[in-house]
């Protein structure tokens, strides 16, 4: 972990990343890709120590309230967040200025800030986004080794449901010959349904690999799934998009099930995440 002073914190789309790099150890993480030009080791998390000051300045000058997003490139609940509380300080600012929040994580540390999530949701809208990749906790501990397992993340979704806080699940990535099966997709969707999620993000039911990410992924599947790398190289070469054999069936099934249950999927979720509302957001309490 190392510290730096950022020049700015909000993107043109009102997203922010408080950290750069990650200690969760997910074997497939696209953020490792060299195209992002990270100049430090991925696990040596860069902390934007002046983020709260930059955020307060940015929000105080905005003429119109909107949704603030975080977690797209780096999980806001890194292990160091337990002590640094950088994310919590930023949530306090968002809550105080009456902005909405769309926050994405794999960590149950988000429950620490439930008081702020409740308050943001009362004043505007708070959407908690959780990534689920495999219904099998044993497999989860291989592909996502340093973060809470799927079963715990489903508990977090259920807690958010009980609190009236809307949730979105990212069902991605599906790794060919690892978790990219109809059975896994069906089990994950059943968990989403039980937890009353507002919608799911799917992104093609496969995996993306590029320089930096690909090399790390191959090292890890060599370690945990001997022989599988050769199959990947033979079937996919250096392709960026890596579909599962059952990708088509998974996509069709999930889209059909979402439509039956009036759940948002993909583009509908993006629109929902961008939509700022004041007061109690329509949807979760009434629908579920």
C-alpha atoms as a PDB file:
ATOM      1  CA  UNK A   1       0.000   0.000   0.000  1.00  0.00           C
ATOM      2  CA  UNK A   2       1.207   3.507  -0.819  1.00  0.00           C
ATOM      3  CA  UNK A   3      -0.328   6.974  -0.757  1.00  0.00           C
ATOM      4  CA  UNK A   4      -0.675   9.696  -3.353  1.00  0.00           C
ATOM      5  CA  UNK A   5      -2.498  12.992  -3.903  1.00  0.00           C
ATOM      6  CA  UNK A   6      -4.876  12.831  -6.854  1.00  0.00           C
ATOM      7  CA  UNK A   7      -5.520  15.832  -9.093  1.00  0.00           C
ATOM      8  CA  UNK A   8      -9.207  15.027  -9.423  1.00  0.00           C
ATOM      9  CA  UNK A   9     -11.638  12.384  -8.203  1.00  0.00           C
ATOM     10  CA  UNK A  10     -14.838  12.439 -10.306  1.00  0.00           C
ATOM     11  CA  UNK A  11     -14.946  11.304 -13.936  1.00  0.00           C
ATOM     12  CA  UNK A  12     -17.134  12.964 -16.550  1.00  0.00           C
ATOM     13  CA  UNK A  13     -19.769  10.317 -15.731  1.00  0.00           C
ATOM     14  CA  UNK A  14     -19.515  11.054 -11.972  1.00  0.00           C
ATOM     15  CA  UNK A  15     -17.634   7.872 -11.152  1.00  0.00           C
ATOM     16  CA  UNK A  16     -14.704   7.663  -8.763  1.00  0.00           C
ATOM     17  CA  UNK A  17     -12.052   5.178  -7.741  1.00  0.00           C
ATOM     18  CA  UNK A  18     -10.557   5.782  -4.316  1.00  0.00           C
ATOM     19  CA  UNK A  19      -7.963   3.033  -4.673  1.00  0.00           C
ATOM     20  CA  UNK A  20      -5.915   1.692  -7.570  1.00  0.00           C
ATOM     21  CA  UNK A  21      -4.951  -1.954  -7.536  1.00  0.00           C
ATOM     22  CA  UNK A  22      -6.539  -4.671  -5.416  1.00  0.00           C
ATOM     23  CA  UNK A  23      -5.785  -7.284  -2.755  1.00  0.00           C
ATOM     24  CA  UNK A  24      -8.783  -9.566  -3.374  1.00  0.00           C
ATOM     25  CA  UNK A  25      -6.752 -11.810  -5.671  1.00  0.00           C
ATOM     26  CA  UNK A  26      -9.445 -12.640  -8.262  1.00  0.00           C
ATOM     27  CA  UNK A  27      -7.709 -14.689 -10.933  1.00  0.00           C
ATOM     28  CA  UNK A  28      -9.597 -13.111 -13.863  1.00  0.00           C
ATOM     29  CA  UNK A  29      -9.391  -9.380 -12.995  1.00  0.00           C
ATOM     30  CA  UNK A  30      -9.334  -7.154 -16.096  1.00  0.00           C
ATOM     31  CA  UNK A  31      -7.908  -4.271 -14.042  1.00  0.00           C
ATOM     32  CA  UNK A  32      -4.529  -6.054 -14.205  1.00  0.00           C
ATOM     33  CA  UNK A  33      -4.367  -5.378 -17.950  1.00  0.00           C
ATOM     34  CA  UNK A  34      -1.372  -3.361 -19.083  1.00  0.00           C
ATOM     35  CA  UNK A  35      -3.625  -0.995 -21.062  1.00  0.00           C
ATOM     36  CA  UNK A  36      -4.444   0.767 -17.778  1.00  0.00           C
ATOM     37  CA  UNK A  37      -0.755   1.738 -17.443  1.00  0.00           C
ATOM     38  CA  UNK A  38      -0.421   1.006 -13.756  1.00  0.00           C
ATOM     39  CA  UNK A  39       3.121   1.841 -12.682  1.00  0.00           C
ATOM     40  CA  UNK A  40       3.113  -0.193  -9.459  1.00  0.00           C
ATOM     41  CA  UNK A  41       2.468  -3.812  -8.504  1.00  0.00           C
ATOM     42  CA  UNK A  42      -1.236  -4.599  -8.620  1.00  0.00           C
ATOM     43  CA  UNK A  43      -1.327  -5.750  -4.985  1.00  0.00           C
ATOM     44  CA  UNK A  44       0.538  -2.611  -3.869  1.00  0.00           C
ATOM     45  CA  UNK A  45      -2.711  -0.662  -3.596  1.00  0.00           C
ATOM     46  CA  UNK A  46      -2.469   3.032  -4.365  1.00  0.00           C
ATOM     47  CA  UNK A  47      -4.509   5.136  -1.933  1.00  0.00           C
ATOM     48  CA  UNK A  48      -5.867   8.480  -3.137  1.00  0.00           C
ATOM     49  CA  UNK A  49      -5.511  10.030   0.283  1.00  0.00           C
ATOM     50  CA  UNK A  50      -7.005  13.403  -0.655  1.00  0.00           C
ATOM     51  CA  UNK A  51     -10.128  11.868  -2.225  1.00  0.00           C
ATOM     52  CA  UNK A  52     -12.560  13.141   0.453  1.00  0.00           C
ATOM     53  CA  UNK A  53     -11.349  16.731   0.056  1.00  0.00           C
ATOM     54  CA  UNK A  54     -11.586  16.506  -3.733  1.00  0.00           C
ATOM     55  CA  UNK A  55     -15.045  14.954  -3.557  1.00  0.00           C
ATOM     56  CA  UNK A  56     -16.380  17.596  -1.180  1.00  0.00           C
ATOM     57  CA  UNK A  57     -15.098  20.354  -3.432  1.00  0.00           C
ATOM     58  CA  UNK A  58     -16.634  18.716  -6.520  1.00  0.00           C
ATOM     59  CA  UNK A  59     -20.043  18.112  -4.940  1.00  0.00           C
ATOM     60  CA  UNK A  60     -20.235  21.575  -3.393  1.00  0.00           C
ATOM     61  CA  UNK A  61     -19.888  23.091  -6.867  1.00  0.00           C
ATOM     62  CA  UNK A  62     -22.407  20.889  -8.669  1.00  0.00           C
ATOM     63  CA  UNK A  63     -25.589  22.706  -9.667  1.00  0.00           C
ATOM     64  CA  UNK A  64     -27.635  19.534  -9.893  1.00  0.00           C
ATOM     65  CA  UNK A  65     -27.552  16.410  -7.741  1.00  0.00           C
ATOM     66  CA  UNK A  66     -26.839  13.093  -9.447  1.00  0.00           C
ATOM     67  CA  UNK A  67     -25.727   9.533  -8.798  1.00  0.00           C
ATOM     68  CA  UNK A  68     -22.100   9.065  -7.735  1.00  0.00           C
ATOM     69  CA  UNK A  69     -20.595   5.729  -8.722  1.00  0.00           C
ATOM     70  CA  UNK A  70     -17.686   3.849  -7.229  1.00  0.00           C
ATOM     71  CA  UNK A  71     -16.173   0.379  -7.591  1.00  0.00           C
ATOM     72  CA  UNK A  72     -16.000   0.044 -11.371  1.00  0.00           C
ATOM     73  CA  UNK A  73     -12.214  -0.347 -11.541  1.00  0.00           C
ATOM     74  CA  UNK A  74     -11.145  -0.880  -7.938  1.00  0.00           C
ATOM     75  CA  UNK A  75     -13.217  -2.270  -5.094  1.00  0.00           C
ATOM     76  CA  UNK A  76     -13.942   0.500  -2.548  1.00  0.00           C
ATOM     77  CA  UNK A  77     -13.634  -2.072   0.241  1.00  0.00           C
ATOM     78  CA  UNK A  78      -9.999  -3.060  -0.060  1.00  0.00           C
ATOM     79  CA  UNK A  79      -8.551  -4.774   2.999  1.00  0.00           C
ATOM     80  CA  UNK A  80      -6.817  -1.504   3.952  1.00  0.00           C
ATOM     81  CA  UNK A  81     -10.211   0.260   4.006  1.00  0.00           C
ATOM     82  CA  UNK A  82     -10.886  -1.366   7.381  1.00  0.00           C
ATOM     83  CA  UNK A  83      -8.341   0.974   8.949  1.00  0.00           C
ATOM     84  CA  UNK A  84      -8.218   3.876   6.487  1.00  0.00           C
ATOM     85  CA  UNK A  85     -12.005   4.400   6.218  1.00  0.00           C
ATOM     86  CA  UNK A  86     -11.510   6.379   3.030  1.00  0.00           C
ATOM     87  CA  UNK A  87     -14.681   4.988   1.463  1.00  0.00           C
ATOM     88  CA  UNK A  88     -16.678   5.739   4.588  1.00  0.00           C
ATOM     89  CA  UNK A  89     -15.482   9.342   4.624  1.00  0.00           C
ATOM     90  CA  UNK A  90     -16.583   9.746   1.005  1.00  0.00           C
ATOM     91  CA  UNK A  91     -19.976   8.190   1.738  1.00  0.00           C
ATOM     92  CA  UNK A  92     -20.424  10.686   4.567  1.00  0.00           C
ATOM     93  CA  UNK A  93     -19.858  13.513   2.082  1.00  0.00           C
ATOM     94  CA  UNK A  94     -22.281  12.040  -0.462  1.00  0.00           C
ATOM     95  CA  UNK A  95     -24.888  11.654   2.278  1.00  0.00           C
ATOM     96  CA  UNK A  96     -24.383  15.187   3.596  1.00  0.00           C
ATOM     97  CA  UNK A  97     -24.790  16.806   0.168  1.00  0.00           C
ATOM     98  CA  UNK A  98     -27.834  14.704  -0.768  1.00  0.00           C
ATOM     99  CA  UNK A  99     -26.362  12.900  -3.777  1.00  0.00           C
ATOM    100  CA  UNK A 100     -27.225   9.353  -4.819  1.00  0.00           C
ATOM    101  CA  UNK A 101     -24.830   6.409  -4.717  1.00  0.00           C
ATOM    102  CA  UNK A 102     -24.170   3.382  -6.915  1.00  0.00           C
ATOM    103  CA  UNK A 103     -21.508   1.328  -5.142  1.00  0.00           C
ATOM    104  CA  UNK A 104     -19.998  -1.947  -6.358  1.00  0.00           C
ATOM    105  CA  UNK A 105     -18.087  -4.468  -4.234  1.00  0.00           C
ATOM    106  CA  UNK A 106     -17.398  -8.129  -3.509  1.00  0.00           C
ATOM    107  CA  UNK A 107     -16.778  -7.481   0.191  1.00  0.00           C
ATOM    108  CA  UNK A 108     -19.068  -7.827   3.177  1.00  0.00           C
ATOM    109  CA  UNK A 109     -17.188  -4.873   4.710  1.00  0.00           C
ATOM    110  CA  UNK A 110     -19.907  -2.768   3.116  1.00  0.00           C
ATOM    111  CA  UNK A 111     -22.150  -3.738   6.051  1.00  0.00           C
ATOM    112  CA  UNK A 112     -19.980  -1.539   8.267  1.00  0.00           C
ATOM    113  CA  UNK A 113     -21.423   1.468   6.422  1.00  0.00           C
ATOM    114  CA  UNK A 114     -25.042   0.354   6.475  1.00  0.00           C
ATOM    115  CA  UNK A 115     -26.037   3.447   8.470  1.00  0.00           C
ATOM    116  CA  UNK A 116     -24.821   5.711   5.675  1.00  0.00           C
ATOM    117  CA  UNK A 117     -26.341   3.568   2.937  1.00  0.00           C
ATOM    118  CA  UNK A 118     -29.716   3.788   4.696  1.00  0.00           C
ATOM    119  CA  UNK A 119     -29.492   7.548   5.007  1.00  0.00           C
ATOM    120  CA  UNK A 120     -28.412   8.056   1.389  1.00  0.00           C
ATOM    121  CA  UNK A 121     -31.296   5.859   0.284  1.00  0.00           C
ATOM    122  CA  UNK A 122     -33.776   7.909   2.329  1.00  0.00           C
ATOM    123  CA  UNK A 123     -32.540  11.222   0.922  1.00  0.00           C
ATOM    124  CA  UNK A 124     -31.945  10.104  -2.658  1.00  0.00           C
ATOM    125  CA  UNK A 125     -31.139   6.612  -3.990  1.00  0.00           C
ATOM    126  CA  UNK A 126     -28.511   4.083  -2.991  1.00  0.00           C
ATOM    127  CA  UNK A 127     -27.878   1.020  -5.154  1.00  0.00           C
ATOM    128  CA  UNK A 128     -25.558  -1.700  -3.878  1.00  0.00           C
ATOM    129  CA  UNK A 129     -23.952  -3.814  -6.595  1.00  0.00           C
ATOM    130  CA  UNK A 130     -22.457  -7.212  -5.780  1.00  0.00           C
ATOM    131  CA  UNK A 131     -20.495  -9.537  -8.082  1.00  0.00           C
ATOM    132  CA  UNK A 132     -21.360 -13.255  -8.040  1.00  0.00           C
ATOM    133  CA  UNK A 133     -19.438 -15.718 -10.195  1.00  0.00           C
ATOM    134  CA  UNK A 134     -19.963 -19.192  -8.772  1.00  0.00           C
ATOM    135  CA  UNK A 135     -22.545 -20.817  -6.529  1.00  0.00           C
ATOM    136  CA  UNK A 136     -19.849 -23.149  -5.184  1.00  0.00           C
ATOM    137  CA  UNK A 137     -18.009 -21.597  -2.225  1.00  0.00           C
ATOM    138  CA  UNK A 138     -15.106 -24.010  -2.650  1.00  0.00           C
ATOM    139  CA  UNK A 139     -14.586 -22.858  -6.231  1.00  0.00           C
ATOM    140  CA  UNK A 140     -15.099 -19.268  -5.156  1.00  0.00           C
ATOM    141  CA  UNK A 141     -12.128 -19.568  -2.804  1.00  0.00           C
ATOM    142  CA  UNK A 142      -9.982 -20.542  -5.805  1.00  0.00           C
ATOM    143  CA  UNK A 143     -11.079 -17.903  -8.303  1.00  0.00           C
ATOM    144  CA  UNK A 144     -11.638 -15.125  -5.721  1.00  0.00           C
ATOM    145  CA  UNK A 145      -9.344 -16.224  -2.886  1.00  0.00           C
ATOM    146  CA  UNK A 146      -9.046 -13.174  -0.650  1.00  0.00           C
ATOM    147  CA  UNK A 147     -12.615 -11.913  -0.444  1.00  0.00           C
ATOM    148  CA  UNK A 148     -15.753 -13.258   1.240  1.00  0.00           C
ATOM    149  CA  UNK A 149     -17.364 -16.269  -0.489  1.00  0.00           C
ATOM    150  CA  UNK A 150     -20.522 -16.265  -2.560  1.00  0.00           C
ATOM    151  CA  UNK A 151     -22.749 -17.445   0.290  1.00  0.00           C
ATOM    152  CA  UNK A 152     -21.756 -14.429   2.366  1.00  0.00           C
ATOM    153  CA  UNK A 153     -22.336 -12.045  -0.533  1.00  0.00           C
ATOM    154  CA  UNK A 154     -25.827 -13.472  -0.926  1.00  0.00           C
ATOM    155  CA  UNK A 155     -26.368 -12.754   2.771  1.00  0.00           C
ATOM    156  CA  UNK A 156     -25.321  -9.157   2.120  1.00  0.00           C
ATOM    157  CA  UNK A 157     -27.879  -8.925  -0.694  1.00  0.00           C
ATOM    158  CA  UNK A 158     -30.588 -10.236   1.627  1.00  0.00           C
ATOM    159  CA  UNK A 159     -29.665  -7.731   4.320  1.00  0.00           C
ATOM    160  CA  UNK A 160     -29.917  -4.912   1.779  1.00  0.00           C
ATOM    161  CA  UNK A 161     -33.324  -6.214   0.735  1.00  0.00           C
ATOM    162  CA  UNK A 162     -34.507  -6.150   4.355  1.00  0.00           C
ATOM    163  CA  UNK A 163     -33.238  -2.568   4.638  1.00  0.00           C
ATOM    164  CA  UNK A 164     -35.117  -1.495   1.493  1.00  0.00           C
ATOM    165  CA  UNK A 165     -31.871  -0.742  -0.355  1.00  0.00           C
ATOM    166  CA  UNK A 166     -32.042  -1.793  -4.026  1.00  0.00           C
ATOM    167  CA  UNK A 167     -29.397  -4.174  -5.317  1.00  0.00           C
ATOM    168  CA  UNK A 168     -27.881  -5.188  -8.639  1.00  0.00           C
ATOM    169  CA  UNK A 169     -25.819  -8.334  -9.245  1.00  0.00           C
ATOM    170  CA  UNK A 170     -23.004  -8.625 -11.754  1.00  0.00           C
ATOM    171  CA  UNK A 171     -23.080 -12.247 -12.968  1.00  0.00           C
ATOM    172  CA  UNK A 172     -19.656 -12.095 -14.504  1.00  0.00           C
ATOM    173  CA  UNK A 173     -17.331 -13.552 -15.549  1.00  0.00           C
ATOM    174  CA  UNK A 174     -18.307 -17.064 -16.580  1.00  0.00           C
ATOM    175  CA  UNK A 175     -15.021 -18.920 -17.115  1.00  0.00           C
ATOM    176  CA  UNK A 176     -15.066 -21.660 -19.780  1.00  0.00           C
ATOM    177  CA  UNK A 177     -14.780 -25.154 -18.272  1.00  0.00           C
ATOM    178  CA  UNK A 178     -14.693 -23.721 -14.738  1.00  0.00           C
ATOM    179  CA  UNK A 179     -17.933 -21.949 -13.778  1.00  0.00           C
ATOM    180  CA  UNK A 180     -19.416 -21.331 -17.226  1.00  0.00           C
ATOM    181  CA  UNK A 181     -22.279 -23.813 -16.991  1.00  0.00           C
ATOM    182  CA  UNK A 182     -26.065 -23.694 -17.120  1.00  0.00           C
ATOM    183  CA  UNK A 183     -26.249 -25.283 -13.667  1.00  0.00           C
ATOM    184  CA  UNK A 184     -24.085 -22.559 -12.148  1.00  0.00           C
ATOM    185  CA  UNK A 185     -25.989 -19.772 -13.916  1.00  0.00           C
ATOM    186  CA  UNK A 186     -29.320 -21.199 -12.748  1.00  0.00           C
ATOM    187  CA  UNK A 187     -28.138 -21.523  -9.148  1.00  0.00           C
ATOM    188  CA  UNK A 188     -26.836 -17.953  -9.108  1.00  0.00           C
ATOM    189  CA  UNK A 189     -30.036 -16.611 -10.608  1.00  0.00           C
ATOM    190  CA  UNK A 190     -32.075 -18.480  -7.997  1.00  0.00           C
ATOM    191  CA  UNK A 191     -29.996 -16.764  -5.296  1.00  0.00           C
ATOM    192  CA  UNK A 192     -30.591 -13.389  -6.954  1.00  0.00           C
ATOM    193  CA  UNK A 193     -34.317 -14.004  -7.054  1.00  0.00           C
ATOM    194  CA  UNK A 194     -34.434 -15.026  -3.396  1.00  0.00           C
ATOM    195  CA  UNK A 195     -32.498 -11.886  -2.446  1.00  0.00           C
ATOM    196  CA  UNK A 196     -34.904  -9.668  -4.401  1.00  0.00           C
ATOM    197  CA  UNK A 197     -32.346  -8.002  -6.643  1.00  0.00           C
ATOM    198  CA  UNK A 198     -33.487  -5.216  -8.944  1.00  0.00           C
ATOM    199  CA  UNK A 199     -31.515  -6.434 -11.945  1.00  0.00           C
ATOM    200  CA  UNK A 200     -28.456  -8.284 -13.219  1.00  0.00           C
ATOM    201  CA  UNK A 201     -25.495  -7.428 -15.405  1.00  0.00           C
ATOM    202  CA  UNK A 202     -24.436 -10.264 -17.687  1.00  0.00           C
ATOM    203  CA  UNK A 203     -21.944  -9.023 -20.308  1.00  0.00           C
ATOM    204  CA  UNK A 204     -22.118 -11.968 -22.661  1.00  0.00           C
ATOM    205  CA  UNK A 205     -21.674 -14.921 -20.254  1.00  0.00           C
ATOM    206  CA  UNK A 206     -17.962 -15.322 -20.848  1.00  0.00           C
ATOM    207  CA  UNK A 207     -14.540 -13.928 -20.028  1.00  0.00           C
ATOM    208  CA  UNK A 208     -12.299 -11.211 -21.435  1.00  0.00           C
ATOM    209  CA  UNK A 209      -8.506 -11.537 -21.517  1.00  0.00           C
ATOM    210  CA  UNK A 210      -5.813  -9.148 -22.640  1.00  0.00           C
ATOM    211  CA  UNK A 211      -2.147  -8.490 -21.976  1.00  0.00           C
ATOM    212  CA  UNK A 212      -1.337  -8.466 -18.287  1.00  0.00           C
ATOM    213  CA  UNK A 213      -4.621 -10.032 -17.259  1.00  0.00           C
ATOM    214  CA  UNK A 214      -4.139 -13.055 -19.543  1.00  0.00           C
ATOM    215  CA  UNK A 215      -0.704 -13.980 -18.186  1.00  0.00           C
ATOM    216  CA  UNK A 216      -1.856 -13.840 -14.562  1.00  0.00           C
ATOM    217  CA  UNK A 217      -4.989 -15.845 -15.330  1.00  0.00           C
ATOM    218  CA  UNK A 218      -3.008 -18.548 -17.102  1.00  0.00           C
ATOM    219  CA  UNK A 219      -0.567 -18.835 -14.193  1.00  0.00           C
ATOM    220  CA  UNK A 220      -3.442 -19.351 -11.821  1.00  0.00           C
ATOM    221  CA  UNK A 221      -5.330 -21.926 -13.890  1.00  0.00           C
ATOM    222  CA  UNK A 222      -2.051 -23.818 -14.359  1.00  0.00           C
ATOM    223  CA  UNK A 223      -1.818 -23.839 -10.563  1.00  0.00           C
ATOM    224  CA  UNK A 224      -5.384 -24.893  -9.844  1.00  0.00           C
ATOM    225  CA  UNK A 225      -6.614 -26.585 -13.043  1.00  0.00           C
ATOM    226  CA  UNK A 226      -3.668 -28.481 -14.584  1.00  0.00           C
ATOM    227  CA  UNK A 227      -3.922 -28.863 -18.355  1.00  0.00           C
ATOM    228  CA  UNK A 228      -6.692 -26.291 -18.818  1.00  0.00           C
ATOM    229  CA  UNK A 229      -4.362 -23.569 -20.085  1.00  0.00           C
ATOM    230  CA  UNK A 230      -3.455 -25.693 -23.111  1.00  0.00           C
ATOM    231  CA  UNK A 231      -7.139 -26.037 -23.942  1.00  0.00           C
ATOM    232  CA  UNK A 232      -7.668 -22.271 -23.683  1.00  0.00           C
ATOM    233  CA  UNK A 233      -4.668 -21.538 -25.917  1.00  0.00           C
ATOM    234  CA  UNK A 234      -5.808 -24.112 -28.451  1.00  0.00           C
ATOM    235  CA  UNK A 235      -9.430 -22.927 -28.580  1.00  0.00           C
ATOM    236  CA  UNK A 236      -9.118 -19.179 -28.030  1.00  0.00           C
ATOM    237  CA  UNK A 237      -5.555 -18.133 -28.907  1.00  0.00           C
ATOM    238  CA  UNK A 238      -5.057 -14.455 -28.042  1.00  0.00           C
ATOM    239  CA  UNK A 239      -8.744 -13.539 -28.420  1.00  0.00           C
ATOM    240  CA  UNK A 240     -10.110 -10.783 -26.194  1.00  0.00           C
ATOM    241  CA  UNK A 241     -13.607 -12.259 -25.836  1.00  0.00           C
ATOM    242  CA  UNK A 242     -13.651 -15.829 -24.514  1.00  0.00           C
ATOM    243  CA  UNK A 243     -17.145 -17.355 -24.680  1.00  0.00           C
ATOM    244  CA  UNK A 244     -18.240 -20.442 -22.782  1.00  0.00           C
ATOM    245  CA  UNK A 245     -19.618 -23.406 -24.733  1.00  0.00           C
ATOM    246  CA  UNK A 246     -22.965 -22.744 -23.051  1.00  0.00           C
ATOM    247  CA  UNK A 247     -22.867 -18.930 -23.341  1.00  0.00           C
ATOM    248  CA  UNK A 248     -25.795 -18.758 -25.759  1.00  0.00           C
ATOM    249  CA  UNK A 249     -28.025 -20.925 -23.593  1.00  0.00           C
ATOM    250  CA  UNK A 250     -27.029 -19.044 -20.427  1.00  0.00           C
ATOM    251  CA  UNK A 251     -27.833 -15.655 -21.983  1.00  0.00           C
ATOM    252  CA  UNK A 252     -31.186 -16.831 -23.336  1.00  0.00           C
ATOM    253  CA  UNK A 253     -32.178 -18.419 -20.035  1.00  0.00           C
ATOM    254  CA  UNK A 254     -31.248 -15.393 -17.928  1.00  0.00           C
ATOM    255  CA  UNK A 255     -32.932 -12.896 -20.248  1.00  0.00           C
ATOM    256  CA  UNK A 256     -36.111 -14.994 -20.281  1.00  0.00           C
ATOM    257  CA  UNK A 257     -36.136 -15.350 -16.502  1.00  0.00           C
ATOM    258  CA  UNK A 258     -35.511 -11.630 -15.979  1.00  0.00           C
ATOM    259  CA  UNK A 259     -38.366 -10.772 -18.295  1.00  0.00           C
ATOM    260  CA  UNK A 260     -40.731 -13.127 -16.455  1.00  0.00           C
ATOM    261  CA  UNK A 261     -39.861 -11.498 -13.122  1.00  0.00           C
ATOM    262  CA  UNK A 262     -39.715  -7.893 -14.373  1.00  0.00           C
ATOM    263  CA  UNK A 263     -36.033  -7.716 -13.460  1.00  0.00           C
ATOM    264  CA  UNK A 264     -33.710  -5.354 -15.283  1.00  0.00           C
ATOM    265  CA  UNK A 265     -30.824  -6.730 -17.320  1.00  0.00           C
ATOM    266  CA  UNK A 266     -27.736  -5.119 -18.898  1.00  0.00           C
ATOM    267  CA  UNK A 267     -28.702  -1.801 -20.568  1.00  0.00           C
ATOM    268  CA  UNK A 268     -31.762  -1.479 -18.351  1.00  0.00           C
ATOM    269  CA  UNK A 269     -29.535  -1.737 -15.304  1.00  0.00           C
ATOM    270  CA  UNK A 270     -27.182   0.976 -16.602  1.00  0.00           C
ATOM    271  CA  UNK A 271     -30.121   3.331 -17.089  1.00  0.00           C
ATOM    272  CA  UNK A 272     -31.371   2.591 -13.582  1.00  0.00           C
ATOM    273  CA  UNK A 273     -27.944   3.212 -12.026  1.00  0.00           C
ATOM    274  CA  UNK A 274     -27.678   6.613 -13.701  1.00  0.00           C
ATOM    275  CA  UNK A 275     -31.176   7.739 -12.701  1.00  0.00           C
ATOM    276  CA  UNK A 276     -31.131  10.064  -9.687  1.00  0.00           C
ATOM    277  CA  UNK A 277     -34.271  10.319  -7.567  1.00  0.00           C
ATOM    278  CA  UNK A 278     -34.972  12.317  -4.428  1.00  0.00           C
ATOM    279  CA  UNK A 279     -36.633  10.717  -1.450  1.00  0.00           C
ATOM    280  CA  UNK A 280     -37.492   7.022  -1.211  1.00  0.00           C
ATOM    281  CA  UNK A 281     -36.668   5.330  -4.550  1.00  0.00           C
ATOM    282  CA  UNK A 282     -39.476   3.478  -6.218  1.00  0.00           C
ATOM    283  CA  UNK A 283     -39.118  -0.260  -6.488  1.00  0.00           C
ATOM    284  CA  UNK A 284     -37.486  -2.469  -3.963  1.00  0.00           C
ATOM    285  CA  UNK A 285     -39.756  -2.168  -0.928  1.00  0.00           C
ATOM    286  CA  UNK A 286     -42.893  -2.344  -3.021  1.00  0.00           C
ATOM    287  CA  UNK A 287     -41.766  -5.031  -5.463  1.00  0.00           C
ATOM    288  CA  UNK A 288     -40.315  -7.497  -3.007  1.00  0.00           C
END
